[in-house]
Amino acid sequence: MCGRFTLHHSTEDVAERFAVEQTLLELTPRYNIAPSQPVPVIIQRDSRLMREHAWGLVPFWAKDPAIGNRMINARAESLVDKPTFKRAFSVRRCLIPASGYYEWKKADGGKNPHYIQSADGQPFAMAGLFEKWSDPDGLPLRTSAVITTEPNELAAAIHNRMPAILTRDAEEIWLDPESRPEALLAVLRPYPGELSAHAVSRLVNKAATDEAACIEPAAEPQKDLQLGLPL
Protein backbone atom coordinates (compact mmCIF):
# COMPACT_ATOMS: atom_id res chain seq x y z
CA MET A 1 0.00 0.00 0.00
CA CYS A 2 0.98 3.65 0.06
CA GLY A 3 -0.05 5.45 3.24
CA ARG A 4 2.38 8.38 3.45
CA PHE A 5 4.45 10.31 0.94
CA THR A 6 6.36 13.54 0.46
CA LEU A 7 6.49 16.40 -2.01
CA HIS A 8 9.19 18.88 -1.17
CA HIS A 9 10.01 20.03 -4.71
CA SER A 10 8.93 23.52 -5.72
CA THR A 11 5.86 24.43 -7.75
CA GLU A 12 8.11 25.44 -10.63
CA ASP A 13 10.11 22.20 -10.56
CA VAL A 14 6.97 20.05 -10.51
CA ALA A 15 5.26 22.07 -13.24
CA GLU A 16 8.32 21.81 -15.48
CA ARG A 17 8.85 18.10 -14.84
CA PHE A 18 5.24 17.19 -15.70
CA ALA A 19 4.60 19.82 -18.39
CA VAL A 20 1.86 21.47 -16.34
CA GLU A 21 0.33 24.42 -18.17
CA GLN A 22 -1.89 25.75 -15.40
CA THR A 23 -1.35 25.59 -11.63
CA LEU A 24 -4.25 26.22 -9.27
CA LEU A 25 -2.16 25.96 -6.10
CA GLU A 26 1.22 26.93 -4.72
CA LEU A 27 3.23 24.04 -3.32
CA THR A 28 5.01 24.23 0.01
CA PRO A 29 7.53 21.57 1.13
CA ARG A 30 5.74 18.64 2.73
CA TYR A 31 7.50 15.68 4.33
CA ASN A 32 4.66 13.58 5.73
CA ILE A 33 1.52 13.73 3.60
CA ALA A 34 -1.16 11.58 5.21
CA PRO A 35 -4.63 10.30 4.21
CA SER A 36 -7.48 12.85 4.25
CA GLN A 37 -5.01 15.70 3.78
CA PRO A 38 -4.91 17.83 0.61
CA VAL A 39 -2.66 16.53 -2.16
CA PRO A 40 -1.70 18.00 -5.54
CA VAL A 41 -2.90 16.12 -8.60
CA ILE A 42 -2.25 16.61 -12.30
CA ILE A 43 -5.05 16.06 -14.79
CA GLN A 44 -5.37 16.42 -18.55
CA ARG A 45 -8.30 18.29 -20.06
CA ASP A 46 -7.97 20.97 -22.75
CA SER A 47 -4.76 21.83 -20.93
CA ARG A 48 -2.69 20.06 -18.29
CA LEU A 49 -3.41 21.48 -14.87
CA MET A 50 -2.38 20.89 -11.28
CA ARG A 51 -4.90 21.40 -8.50
CA GLU A 52 -5.67 20.23 -4.98
CA HIS A 53 -7.71 17.18 -3.98
CA ALA A 54 -8.31 15.41 -0.68
CA TRP A 55 -6.52 12.08 -0.35
CA GLY A 56 -9.16 9.36 -0.07
CA LEU A 57 -11.48 8.63 -2.99
CA VAL A 58 -15.18 9.44 -2.49
CA PRO A 59 -17.20 8.02 -5.43
CA PHE A 60 -19.77 10.37 -6.91
CA TRP A 61 -22.54 7.98 -5.82
CA ALA A 62 -21.44 7.75 -2.17
CA LYS A 63 -23.94 8.67 0.54
CA ASP A 64 -21.28 9.52 3.11
CA PRO A 65 -17.91 11.13 2.26
CA ALA A 66 -16.35 9.24 5.19
CA ILE A 67 -15.94 6.34 2.75
CA GLY A 68 -12.86 8.19 1.52
CA ASN A 69 -11.02 7.27 4.72
CA ARG A 70 -10.92 3.67 3.46
CA MET A 71 -10.15 4.52 -0.18
CA ILE A 72 -6.67 6.01 -0.10
CA ASN A 73 -5.35 3.22 -2.37
CA ALA A 74 -6.77 1.32 -5.33
CA ARG A 75 -5.27 -2.03 -6.31
CA ALA A 76 -4.30 -2.16 -9.99
CA GLU A 77 -5.64 -5.70 -10.21
CA SER A 78 -9.22 -4.66 -9.32
CA LEU A 79 -9.67 -1.41 -11.27
CA VAL A 80 -11.66 -2.92 -14.11
CA ASP A 81 -14.11 -4.84 -11.93
CA LYS A 82 -14.52 -3.01 -8.61
CA PRO A 83 -17.50 -0.61 -8.76
CA THR A 84 -15.73 1.94 -6.54
CA PHE A 85 -12.96 2.43 -9.09
CA LYS A 86 -14.34 1.24 -12.44
CA ARG A 87 -15.79 4.53 -13.64
CA ALA A 88 -12.86 6.63 -12.47
CA PHE A 89 -10.45 4.23 -14.19
CA SER A 90 -12.29 4.84 -17.45
CA VAL A 91 -12.51 8.63 -17.42
CA ARG A 92 -10.93 10.20 -14.32
CA ARG A 93 -7.24 9.37 -14.18
CA CYS A 94 -4.56 11.64 -12.76
CA LEU A 95 -0.92 11.85 -11.78
CA ILE A 96 -0.06 12.36 -8.13
CA PRO A 97 3.42 13.91 -7.98
CA ALA A 98 5.74 12.87 -5.17
CA SER A 99 9.32 13.34 -4.05
CA GLY A 100 9.24 9.98 -2.27
CA TYR A 101 7.05 7.70 -0.20
CA TYR A 102 7.22 5.80 3.08
CA GLU A 103 6.70 2.14 3.75
CA TRP A 104 6.96 0.15 6.97
CA LYS A 105 8.93 -3.06 7.27
CA LYS A 106 8.11 -5.66 9.88
CA ALA A 107 10.87 -6.13 12.43
CA ASP A 108 11.38 -7.32 15.98
CA GLY A 109 9.67 -4.82 18.22
CA GLY A 110 7.26 -3.46 15.60
CA LYS A 111 7.55 -1.92 12.16
CA ASN A 112 10.37 0.31 10.99
CA PRO A 113 9.61 3.11 8.50
CA HIS A 114 11.66 3.44 5.32
CA TYR A 115 11.83 6.25 2.80
CA ILE A 116 11.87 5.37 -0.91
CA GLN A 117 12.70 7.87 -3.63
CA SER A 118 14.13 8.12 -7.14
CA ALA A 119 17.83 7.40 -7.19
CA ASP A 120 18.40 10.80 -8.83
CA GLY A 121 16.27 12.65 -6.29
CA GLN A 122 13.82 13.91 -8.91
CA PRO A 123 10.04 13.93 -8.42
CA PHE A 124 8.02 11.07 -9.86
CA ALA A 125 4.37 10.43 -10.65
CA MET A 126 2.15 7.88 -8.96
CA ALA A 127 -0.84 6.76 -11.00
CA GLY A 128 -4.05 8.02 -9.46
CA LEU A 129 -7.82 8.20 -9.83
CA PHE A 130 -10.04 11.11 -8.94
CA GLU A 131 -13.70 11.83 -8.30
CA LYS A 132 -15.97 14.82 -7.74
CA TRP A 133 -18.59 14.33 -5.02
CA SER A 134 -21.27 16.88 -4.09
CA ASP A 135 -22.91 17.34 -0.71
CA PRO A 136 -26.70 17.91 -0.40
CA ASP A 137 -26.15 21.65 -0.90
CA GLY A 138 -24.22 21.04 -4.10
CA LEU A 139 -20.81 21.93 -2.68
CA PRO A 140 -18.10 19.90 -4.45
CA LEU A 141 -15.49 17.68 -2.86
CA ARG A 142 -12.66 16.56 -5.15
CA THR A 143 -10.80 13.46 -3.99
CA SER A 144 -8.13 11.05 -5.24
CA ALA A 145 -6.60 7.65 -4.58
CA VAL A 146 -3.12 6.27 -5.26
CA ILE A 147 -2.99 3.09 -7.32
CA THR A 148 -0.79 0.30 -5.97
CA THR A 149 0.80 -2.66 -7.73
CA GLU A 150 3.32 -5.46 -7.23
CA PRO A 151 6.68 -4.25 -5.88
CA ASN A 152 9.94 -4.15 -7.78
CA GLU A 153 13.02 -5.82 -6.31
CA LEU A 154 14.03 -2.94 -4.06
CA ALA A 155 10.51 -2.27 -2.74
CA ALA A 156 9.84 -5.98 -2.20
CA ALA A 157 12.57 -6.08 0.45
CA ILE A 158 10.41 -3.71 2.50
CA HIS A 159 6.76 -4.41 1.62
CA ASN A 160 4.64 -6.57 -0.69
CA ARG A 161 3.03 -3.59 -2.47
CA MET A 162 4.22 -0.30 -3.92
CA PRO A 163 2.57 2.70 -5.55
CA ALA A 164 2.25 2.42 -9.32
CA ILE A 165 5.10 4.78 -10.20
CA LEU A 166 4.94 5.67 -13.88
CA THR A 167 7.75 6.12 -16.37
CA ARG A 168 7.63 9.29 -18.47
CA ASP A 169 6.12 7.43 -21.42
CA ALA A 170 3.59 5.78 -19.12
CA GLU A 171 2.55 9.18 -17.73
CA GLU A 172 1.39 10.22 -21.19
CA ILE A 173 -0.53 6.99 -21.71
CA TRP A 174 -2.18 7.30 -18.30
CA LEU A 175 -3.39 10.86 -18.91
CA ASP A 176 -4.48 10.32 -22.51
CA PRO A 177 -8.32 10.12 -22.55
CA GLU A 178 -8.10 7.95 -25.67
CA SER A 179 -5.95 5.22 -24.10
CA ARG A 180 -7.57 1.79 -24.13
CA PRO A 181 -7.95 -0.27 -20.92
CA GLU A 182 -5.34 -2.82 -21.93
CA ALA A 183 -2.76 -0.07 -22.53
CA LEU A 184 -3.60 1.54 -19.19
CA LEU A 185 -3.30 -1.69 -17.24
CA ALA A 186 0.03 -2.45 -18.93
CA VAL A 187 1.69 0.60 -17.36
CA LEU A 188 0.61 -0.34 -13.82
CA ARG A 189 3.60 -2.58 -13.20
CA PRO A 190 6.52 -2.78 -10.80
CA TYR A 191 8.56 0.35 -11.39
CA PRO A 192 11.46 -0.41 -13.78
CA GLY A 193 13.48 2.69 -12.91
CA GLU A 194 16.12 3.14 -10.22
CA LEU A 195 15.00 3.84 -6.67
CA SER A 196 16.88 4.23 -3.41
CA ALA A 197 15.67 3.45 0.10
CA HIS A 198 16.82 4.05 3.65
CA ALA A 199 15.43 3.56 7.12
CA VAL A 200 14.09 6.68 8.83
CA SER A 201 13.08 7.48 12.38
CA ARG A 202 9.60 6.87 13.72
CA LEU A 203 8.89 10.59 13.66
CA VAL A 204 6.92 9.89 10.51
CA ASN A 205 4.50 7.65 12.41
CA LYS A 206 2.74 10.76 13.70
CA ALA A 207 0.79 12.43 10.92
CA ALA A 208 1.07 15.82 12.61
CA THR A 209 4.86 15.73 12.25
CA ASP A 210 5.74 17.35 8.93
CA GLU A 211 9.39 18.37 8.82
CA ALA A 212 12.54 17.57 6.88
CA ALA A 213 13.78 15.36 9.72
CA CYS A 214 11.20 12.78 8.64
CA ILE A 215 13.24 11.81 5.58
CA GLU A 216 16.66 11.81 7.24
CA PRO A 217 18.37 8.41 7.67
CA ALA A 218 17.72 6.74 11.00
CA ALA A 219 20.43 7.41 13.58
CA GLU A 220 21.05 3.68 14.07
CA PRO A 221 21.39 1.49 10.93
CA GLN A 222 18.61 -1.10 10.86
CA LYS A 223 19.54 -4.54 9.63
CA ASP A 224 17.75 -6.48 6.96
CA LEU A 225 16.10 -9.46 8.65
CA GLN A 226 16.86 -11.84 5.78
CA LEU A 227 20.38 -10.83 4.81
CA GLY A 228 21.66 -9.46 8.10
CA LEU A 229 23.08 -6.44 6.25
CA PRO A 230 22.50 -2.74 6.78
CA LEU A 231 19.81 -1.38 4.49
C-alpha atoms as a PDB file:
ATOM      1  CA  MET A   1       0.000   0.000   0.000  1.00  0.00           C
ATOM      2  CA  CYS A   2       0.977   3.653   0.063  1.00  0.00           C
ATOM      3  CA  GLY A   3      -0.052   5.452   3.237  1.00  0.00           C
ATOM      4  CA  ARG A   4       2.380   8.385   3.453  1.00  0.00           C
ATOM      5  CA  PHE A   5       4.446  10.311   0.937  1.00  0.00           C
ATOM      6  CA  THR A   6       6.364  13.542   0.462  1.00  0.00           C
ATOM      7  CA  LEU A   7       6.485  16.397  -2.012  1.00  0.00           C
ATOM      8  CA  HIS A   8       9.190  18.883  -1.174  1.00  0.00           C
ATOM      9  CA  HIS A   9      10.007  20.029  -4.711  1.00  0.00           C
ATOM     10  CA  SER A  10       8.926  23.523  -5.718  1.00  0.00           C
ATOM     11  CA  THR A  11       5.859  24.428  -7.754  1.00  0.00           C
ATOM     12  CA  GLU A  12       8.109  25.442 -10.629  1.00  0.00           C
ATOM     13  CA  ASP A  13      10.108  22.203 -10.563  1.00  0.00           C
ATOM     14  CA  VAL A  14       6.969  20.047 -10.506  1.00  0.00           C
ATOM     15  CA  ALA A  15       5.257  22.070 -13.239  1.00  0.00           C
ATOM     16  CA  GLU A  16       8.323  21.813 -15.479  1.00  0.00           C
ATOM     17  CA  ARG A  17       8.849  18.103 -14.836  1.00  0.00           C
ATOM     18  CA  PHE A  18       5.242  17.189 -15.696  1.00  0.00           C
ATOM     19  CA  ALA A  19       4.601  19.818 -18.392  1.00  0.00           C
ATOM     20  CA  VAL A  20       1.863  21.465 -16.338  1.00  0.00           C
ATOM     21  CA  GLU A  21       0.334  24.418 -18.171  1.00  0.00           C
ATOM     22  CA  GLN A  22      -1.889  25.747 -15.398  1.00  0.00           C
ATOM     23  CA  THR A  23      -1.347  25.591 -11.635  1.00  0.00           C
ATOM     24  CA  LEU A  24      -4.246  26.224  -9.268  1.00  0.00           C
ATOM     25  CA  LEU A  25      -2.164  25.958  -6.097  1.00  0.00           C
ATOM     26  CA  GLU A  26       1.219  26.930  -4.723  1.00  0.00           C
ATOM     27  CA  LEU A  27       3.232  24.041  -3.325  1.00  0.00           C
ATOM     28  CA  THR A  28       5.007  24.230   0.013  1.00  0.00           C
ATOM     29  CA  PRO A  29       7.531  21.571   1.135  1.00  0.00           C
ATOM     30  CA  ARG A  30       5.737  18.636   2.729  1.00  0.00           C
ATOM     31  CA  TYR A  31       7.495  15.683   4.334  1.00  0.00           C
ATOM     32  CA  ASN A  32       4.661  13.582   5.732  1.00  0.00           C
ATOM     33  CA  ILE A  33       1.524  13.727   3.595  1.00  0.00           C
ATOM     34  CA  ALA A  34      -1.163  11.583   5.205  1.00  0.00           C
ATOM     35  CA  PRO A  35      -4.628  10.302   4.214  1.00  0.00           C
ATOM     36  CA  SER A  36      -7.481  12.848   4.246  1.00  0.00           C
ATOM     37  CA  GLN A  37      -5.007  15.702   3.777  1.00  0.00           C
ATOM     38  CA  PRO A  38      -4.912  17.831   0.612  1.00  0.00           C
ATOM     39  CA  VAL A  39      -2.658  16.530  -2.160  1.00  0.00           C
ATOM     40  CA  PRO A  40      -1.703  17.998  -5.539  1.00  0.00           C
ATOM     41  CA  VAL A  41      -2.902  16.122  -8.603  1.00  0.00           C
ATOM     42  CA  ILE A  42      -2.248  16.615 -12.301  1.00  0.00           C
ATOM     43  CA  ILE A  43      -5.052  16.058 -14.794  1.00  0.00           C
ATOM     44  CA  GLN A  44      -5.373  16.423 -18.548  1.00  0.00           C
ATOM     45  CA  ARG A  45      -8.297  18.292 -20.060  1.00  0.00           C
ATOM     46  CA  ASP A  46      -7.965  20.968 -22.746  1.00  0.00           C
ATOM     47  CA  SER A  47      -4.758  21.830 -20.930  1.00  0.00           C
ATOM     48  CA  ARG A  48      -2.691  20.063 -18.294  1.00  0.00           C
ATOM     49  CA  LEU A  49      -3.412  21.480 -14.867  1.00  0.00           C
ATOM     50  CA  MET A  50      -2.379  20.892 -11.278  1.00  0.00           C
ATOM     51  CA  ARG A  51      -4.899  21.398  -8.496  1.00  0.00           C
ATOM     52  CA  GLU A  52      -5.668  20.231  -4.985  1.00  0.00           C
ATOM     53  CA  HIS A  53      -7.711  17.179  -3.977  1.00  0.00           C
ATOM     54  CA  ALA A  54      -8.315  15.415  -0.675  1.00  0.00           C
ATOM     55  CA  TRP A  55      -6.521  12.081  -0.348  1.00  0.00           C
ATOM     56  CA  GLY A  56      -9.162   9.358  -0.067  1.00  0.00           C
ATOM     57  CA  LEU A  57     -11.485   8.634  -2.990  1.00  0.00           C
ATOM     58  CA  VAL A  58     -15.178   9.441  -2.492  1.00  0.00           C
ATOM     59  CA  PRO A  59     -17.200   8.015  -5.429  1.00  0.00           C
ATOM     60  CA  PHE A  60     -19.771  10.366  -6.910  1.00  0.00           C
ATOM     61  CA  TRP A  61     -22.535   7.984  -5.821  1.00  0.00           C
ATOM     62  CA  ALA A  62     -21.444   7.753  -2.168  1.00  0.00           C
ATOM     63  CA  LYS A  63     -23.941   8.673   0.536  1.00  0.00           C
ATOM     64  CA  ASP A  64     -21.277   9.516   3.111  1.00  0.00           C
ATOM     65  CA  PRO A  65     -17.914  11.131   2.265  1.00  0.00           C
ATOM     66  CA  ALA A  66     -16.349   9.241   5.186  1.00  0.00           C
ATOM     67  CA  ILE A  67     -15.939   6.342   2.748  1.00  0.00           C
ATOM     68  CA  GLY A  68     -12.861   8.188   1.522  1.00  0.00           C
ATOM     69  CA  ASN A  69     -11.016   7.271   4.718  1.00  0.00           C
ATOM     70  CA  ARG A  70     -10.924   3.673   3.457  1.00  0.00           C
ATOM     71  CA  MET A  71     -10.150   4.521  -0.176  1.00  0.00           C
ATOM     72  CA  ILE A  72      -6.667   6.008  -0.102  1.00  0.00           C
ATOM     73  CA  ASN A  73      -5.352   3.215  -2.371  1.00  0.00           C
ATOM     74  CA  ALA A  74      -6.766   1.321  -5.330  1.00  0.00           C
ATOM     75  CA  ARG A  75      -5.271  -2.028  -6.310  1.00  0.00           C
ATOM     76  CA  ALA A  76      -4.300  -2.161  -9.986  1.00  0.00           C
ATOM     77  CA  GLU A  77      -5.641  -5.705 -10.208  1.00  0.00           C
ATOM     78  CA  SER A  78      -9.219  -4.661  -9.323  1.00  0.00           C
ATOM     79  CA  LEU A  79      -9.666  -1.410 -11.269  1.00  0.00           C
ATOM     80  CA  VAL A  80     -11.663  -2.922 -14.110  1.00  0.00           C
ATOM     81  CA  ASP A  81     -14.109  -4.842 -11.926  1.00  0.00           C
ATOM     82  CA  LYS A  82     -14.522  -3.013  -8.614  1.00  0.00           C
ATOM     83  CA  PRO A  83     -17.504  -0.605  -8.759  1.00  0.00           C
ATOM     84  CA  THR A  84     -15.734   1.936  -6.538  1.00  0.00           C
ATOM     85  CA  PHE A  85     -12.958   2.425  -9.090  1.00  0.00           C
ATOM     86  CA  LYS A  86     -14.340   1.235 -12.436  1.00  0.00           C
ATOM     87  CA  ARG A  87     -15.786   4.531 -13.643  1.00  0.00           C
ATOM     88  CA  ALA A  88     -12.857   6.626 -12.466  1.00  0.00           C
ATOM     89  CA  PHE A  89     -10.448   4.234 -14.188  1.00  0.00           C
ATOM     90  CA  SER A  90     -12.292   4.842 -17.446  1.00  0.00           C
ATOM     91  CA  VAL A  91     -12.513   8.628 -17.416  1.00  0.00           C
ATOM     92  CA  ARG A  92     -10.930  10.197 -14.317  1.00  0.00           C
ATOM     93  CA  ARG A  93      -7.239   9.370 -14.184  1.00  0.00           C
ATOM     94  CA  CYS A  94      -4.562  11.637 -12.760  1.00  0.00           C
ATOM     95  CA  LEU A  95      -0.923  11.847 -11.782  1.00  0.00           C
ATOM     96  CA  ILE A  96      -0.060  12.358  -8.128  1.00  0.00           C
ATOM     97  CA  PRO A  97       3.424  13.909  -7.979  1.00  0.00           C
ATOM     98  CA  ALA A  98       5.742  12.867  -5.167  1.00  0.00           C
ATOM     99  CA  SER A  99       9.320  13.343  -4.050  1.00  0.00           C
ATOM    100  CA  GLY A 100       9.242   9.979  -2.273  1.00  0.00           C
ATOM    101  CA  TYR A 101       7.054   7.696  -0.198  1.00  0.00           C
ATOM    102  CA  TYR A 102       7.222   5.800   3.077  1.00  0.00           C
ATOM    103  CA  GLU A 103       6.701   2.136   3.754  1.00  0.00           C
ATOM    104  CA  TRP A 104       6.957   0.148   6.969  1.00  0.00           C
ATOM    105  CA  LYS A 105       8.933  -3.065   7.268  1.00  0.00           C
ATOM    106  CA  LYS A 106       8.107  -5.664   9.882  1.00  0.00           C
ATOM    107  CA  ALA A 107      10.875  -6.132  12.428  1.00  0.00           C
ATOM    108  CA  ASP A 108      11.383  -7.315  15.976  1.00  0.00           C
ATOM    109  CA  GLY A 109       9.668  -4.820  18.223  1.00  0.00           C
ATOM    110  CA  GLY A 110       7.262  -3.464  15.604  1.00  0.00           C
ATOM    111  CA  LYS A 111       7.551  -1.921  12.159  1.00  0.00           C
ATOM    112  CA  ASN A 112      10.372   0.314  10.986  1.00  0.00           C
ATOM    113  CA  PRO A 113       9.608   3.114   8.504  1.00  0.00           C
ATOM    114  CA  HIS A 114      11.656   3.442   5.319  1.00  0.00           C
ATOM    115  CA  TYR A 115      11.828   6.246   2.805  1.00  0.00           C
ATOM    116  CA  ILE A 116      11.873   5.368  -0.906  1.00  0.00           C
ATOM    117  CA  GLN A 117      12.701   7.871  -3.631  1.00  0.00           C
ATOM    118  CA  SER A 118      14.127   8.122  -7.138  1.00  0.00           C
ATOM    119  CA  ALA A 119      17.827   7.399  -7.194  1.00  0.00           C
ATOM    120  CA  ASP A 120      18.403  10.797  -8.835  1.00  0.00           C
ATOM    121  CA  GLY A 121      16.268  12.652  -6.292  1.00  0.00           C
ATOM    122  CA  GLN A 122      13.824  13.910  -8.911  1.00  0.00           C
ATOM    123  CA  PRO A 123      10.037  13.935  -8.420  1.00  0.00           C
ATOM    124  CA  PHE A 124       8.024  11.067  -9.863  1.00  0.00           C
ATOM    125  CA  ALA A 125       4.372  10.431 -10.653  1.00  0.00           C
ATOM    126  CA  MET A 126       2.153   7.881  -8.963  1.00  0.00           C
ATOM    127  CA  ALA A 127      -0.840   6.757 -11.001  1.00  0.00           C
ATOM    128  CA  GLY A 128      -4.053   8.023  -9.460  1.00  0.00           C
ATOM    129  CA  LEU A 129      -7.816   8.195  -9.833  1.00  0.00           C
ATOM    130  CA  PHE A 130     -10.045  11.114  -8.938  1.00  0.00           C
ATOM    131  CA  GLU A 131     -13.701  11.831  -8.298  1.00  0.00           C
ATOM    132  CA  LYS A 132     -15.970  14.825  -7.736  1.00  0.00           C
ATOM    133  CA  TRP A 133     -18.589  14.333  -5.022  1.00  0.00           C
ATOM    134  CA  SER A 134     -21.270  16.882  -4.090  1.00  0.00           C
ATOM    135  CA  ASP A 135     -22.911  17.342  -0.714  1.00  0.00           C
ATOM    136  CA  PRO A 136     -26.702  17.909  -0.401  1.00  0.00           C
ATOM    137  CA  ASP A 137     -26.151  21.650  -0.901  1.00  0.00           C
ATOM    138  CA  GLY A 138     -24.219  21.044  -4.102  1.00  0.00           C
ATOM    139  CA  LEU A 139     -20.809  21.932  -2.677  1.00  0.00           C
ATOM    140  CA  PRO A 140     -18.103  19.896  -4.453  1.00  0.00           C
ATOM    141  CA  LEU A 141     -15.487  17.676  -2.860  1.00  0.00           C
ATOM    142  CA  ARG A 142     -12.657  16.561  -5.145  1.00  0.00           C
ATOM    143  CA  THR A 143     -10.803  13.464  -3.992  1.00  0.00           C
ATOM    144  CA  SER A 144      -8.133  11.055  -5.241  1.00  0.00           C
ATOM    145  CA  ALA A 145      -6.596   7.653  -4.577  1.00  0.00           C
ATOM    146  CA  VAL A 146      -3.121   6.274  -5.264  1.00  0.00           C
ATOM    147  CA  ILE A 147      -2.993   3.086  -7.318  1.00  0.00           C
ATOM    148  CA  THR A 148      -0.786   0.302  -5.975  1.00  0.00           C
ATOM    149  CA  THR A 149       0.795  -2.663  -7.730  1.00  0.00           C
ATOM    150  CA  GLU A 150       3.318  -5.459  -7.231  1.00  0.00           C
ATOM    151  CA  PRO A 151       6.684  -4.253  -5.877  1.00  0.00           C
ATOM    152  CA  ASN A 152       9.935  -4.150  -7.777  1.00  0.00           C
ATOM    153  CA  GLU A 153      13.019  -5.817  -6.312  1.00  0.00           C
ATOM    154  CA  LEU A 154      14.029  -2.940  -4.060  1.00  0.00           C
ATOM    155  CA  ALA A 155      10.510  -2.270  -2.743  1.00  0.00           C
ATOM    156  CA  ALA A 156       9.836  -5.978  -2.196  1.00  0.00           C
ATOM    157  CA  ALA A 157      12.569  -6.083   0.447  1.00  0.00           C
ATOM    158  CA  ILE A 158      10.410  -3.707   2.501  1.00  0.00           C
ATOM    159  CA  HIS A 159       6.757  -4.409   1.617  1.00  0.00           C
ATOM    160  CA  ASN A 160       4.642  -6.572  -0.688  1.00  0.00           C
ATOM    161  CA  ARG A 161       3.031  -3.594  -2.473  1.00  0.00           C
ATOM    162  CA  MET A 162       4.219  -0.304  -3.925  1.00  0.00           C
ATOM    163  CA  PRO A 163       2.566   2.700  -5.554  1.00  0.00           C
ATOM    164  CA  ALA A 164       2.251   2.416  -9.319  1.00  0.00           C
ATOM    165  CA  ILE A 165       5.098   4.784 -10.195  1.00  0.00           C
ATOM    166  CA  LEU A 166       4.944   5.671 -13.882  1.00  0.00           C
ATOM    167  CA  THR A 167       7.751   6.117 -16.366  1.00  0.00           C
ATOM    168  CA  ARG A 168       7.627   9.286 -18.465  1.00  0.00           C
ATOM    169  CA  ASP A 169       6.118   7.434 -21.421  1.00  0.00           C
ATOM    170  CA  ALA A 170       3.586   5.778 -19.123  1.00  0.00           C
ATOM    171  CA  GLU A 171       2.549   9.177 -17.735  1.00  0.00           C
ATOM    172  CA  GLU A 172       1.393  10.223 -21.188  1.00  0.00           C
ATOM    173  CA  ILE A 173      -0.531   6.991 -21.712  1.00  0.00           C
ATOM    174  CA  TRP A 174      -2.182   7.304 -18.301  1.00  0.00           C
ATOM    175  CA  LEU A 175      -3.391  10.863 -18.905  1.00  0.00           C
ATOM    176  CA  ASP A 176      -4.480  10.317 -22.508  1.00  0.00           C
ATOM    177  CA  PRO A 177      -8.315  10.120 -22.550  1.00  0.00           C
ATOM    178  CA  GLU A 178      -8.102   7.950 -25.672  1.00  0.00           C
ATOM    179  CA  SER A 179      -5.954   5.217 -24.096  1.00  0.00           C
ATOM    180  CA  ARG A 180      -7.571   1.789 -24.135  1.00  0.00           C
ATOM    181  CA  PRO A 181      -7.952  -0.268 -20.920  1.00  0.00           C
ATOM    182  CA  GLU A 182      -5.335  -2.817 -21.932  1.00  0.00           C
ATOM    183  CA  ALA A 183      -2.757  -0.065 -22.526  1.00  0.00           C
ATOM    184  CA  LEU A 184      -3.601   1.536 -19.185  1.00  0.00           C
ATOM    185  CA  LEU A 185      -3.296  -1.691 -17.237  1.00  0.00           C
ATOM    186  CA  ALA A 186       0.029  -2.453 -18.930  1.00  0.00           C
ATOM    187  CA  VAL A 187       1.685   0.604 -17.365  1.00  0.00           C
ATOM    188  CA  LEU A 188       0.612  -0.337 -13.821  1.00  0.00           C
ATOM    189  CA  ARG A 189       3.596  -2.584 -13.205  1.00  0.00           C
ATOM    190  CA  PRO A 190       6.524  -2.778 -10.798  1.00  0.00           C
ATOM    191  CA  TYR A 191       8.562   0.353 -11.392  1.00  0.00           C
ATOM    192  CA  PRO A 192      11.459  -0.406 -13.778  1.00  0.00           C
ATOM    193  CA  GLY A 193      13.480   2.693 -12.905  1.00  0.00           C
ATOM    194  CA  GLU A 194      16.116   3.143 -10.220  1.00  0.00           C
ATOM    195  CA  LEU A 195      14.999   3.841  -6.669  1.00  0.00           C
ATOM    196  CA  SER A 196      16.877   4.233  -3.412  1.00  0.00           C
ATOM    197  CA  ALA A 197      15.673   3.447   0.103  1.00  0.00           C
ATOM    198  CA  HIS A 198      16.818   4.050   3.646  1.00  0.00           C
ATOM    199  CA  ALA A 199      15.430   3.560   7.116  1.00  0.00           C
ATOM    200  CA  VAL A 200      14.086   6.678   8.835  1.00  0.00           C
ATOM    201  CA  SER A 201      13.082   7.484  12.384  1.00  0.00           C
ATOM    202  CA  ARG A 202       9.601   6.867  13.718  1.00  0.00           C
ATOM    203  CA  LEU A 203       8.894  10.587  13.663  1.00  0.00           C
ATOM    204  CA  VAL A 204       6.918   9.888  10.512  1.00  0.00           C
ATOM    205  CA  ASN A 205       4.498   7.647  12.415  1.00  0.00           C
ATOM    206  CA  LYS A 206       2.740  10.756  13.704  1.00  0.00           C
ATOM    207  CA  ALA A 207       0.793  12.428  10.921  1.00  0.00           C
ATOM    208  CA  ALA A 208       1.065  15.817  12.605  1.00  0.00           C
ATOM    209  CA  THR A 209       4.861  15.725  12.248  1.00  0.00           C
ATOM    210  CA  ASP A 210       5.742  17.349   8.933  1.00  0.00           C
ATOM    211  CA  GLU A 211       9.386  18.375   8.824  1.00  0.00           C
ATOM    212  CA  ALA A 212      12.537  17.570   6.880  1.00  0.00           C
ATOM    213  CA  ALA A 213      13.782  15.358   9.724  1.00  0.00           C
ATOM    214  CA  CYS A 214      11.196  12.779   8.642  1.00  0.00           C
ATOM    215  CA  ILE A 215      13.241  11.805   5.581  1.00  0.00           C
ATOM    216  CA  GLU A 216      16.663  11.812   7.240  1.00  0.00           C
ATOM    217  CA  PRO A 217      18.366   8.406   7.666  1.00  0.00           C
ATOM    218  CA  ALA A 218      17.724   6.741  11.004  1.00  0.00           C
ATOM    219  CA  ALA A 219      20.425   7.407  13.584  1.00  0.00           C
ATOM    220  CA  GLU A 220      21.054   3.679  14.071  1.00  0.00           C
ATOM    221  CA  PRO A 221      21.388   1.492  10.935  1.00  0.00           C
ATOM    222  CA  GLN A 222      18.606  -1.096  10.864  1.00  0.00           C
ATOM    223  CA  LYS A 223      19.538  -4.540   9.633  1.00  0.00           C
ATOM    224  CA  ASP A 224      17.754  -6.484   6.962  1.00  0.00           C
ATOM    225  CA  LEU A 225      16.104  -9.458   8.651  1.00  0.00           C
ATOM    226  CA  GLN A 226      16.860 -11.839   5.778  1.00  0.00           C
ATOM    227  CA  LEU A 227      20.377 -10.831   4.808  1.00  0.00           C
ATOM    228  CA  GLY A 228      21.659  -9.458   8.103  1.00  0.00           C
ATOM    229  CA  LEU A 229      23.077  -6.444   6.255  1.00  0.00           C
ATOM    230  CA  PRO A 230      22.504  -2.738   6.782  1.00  0.00           C
ATOM    231  CA  LEU A 231      19.806  -1.382   4.485  1.00  0.00           C
END
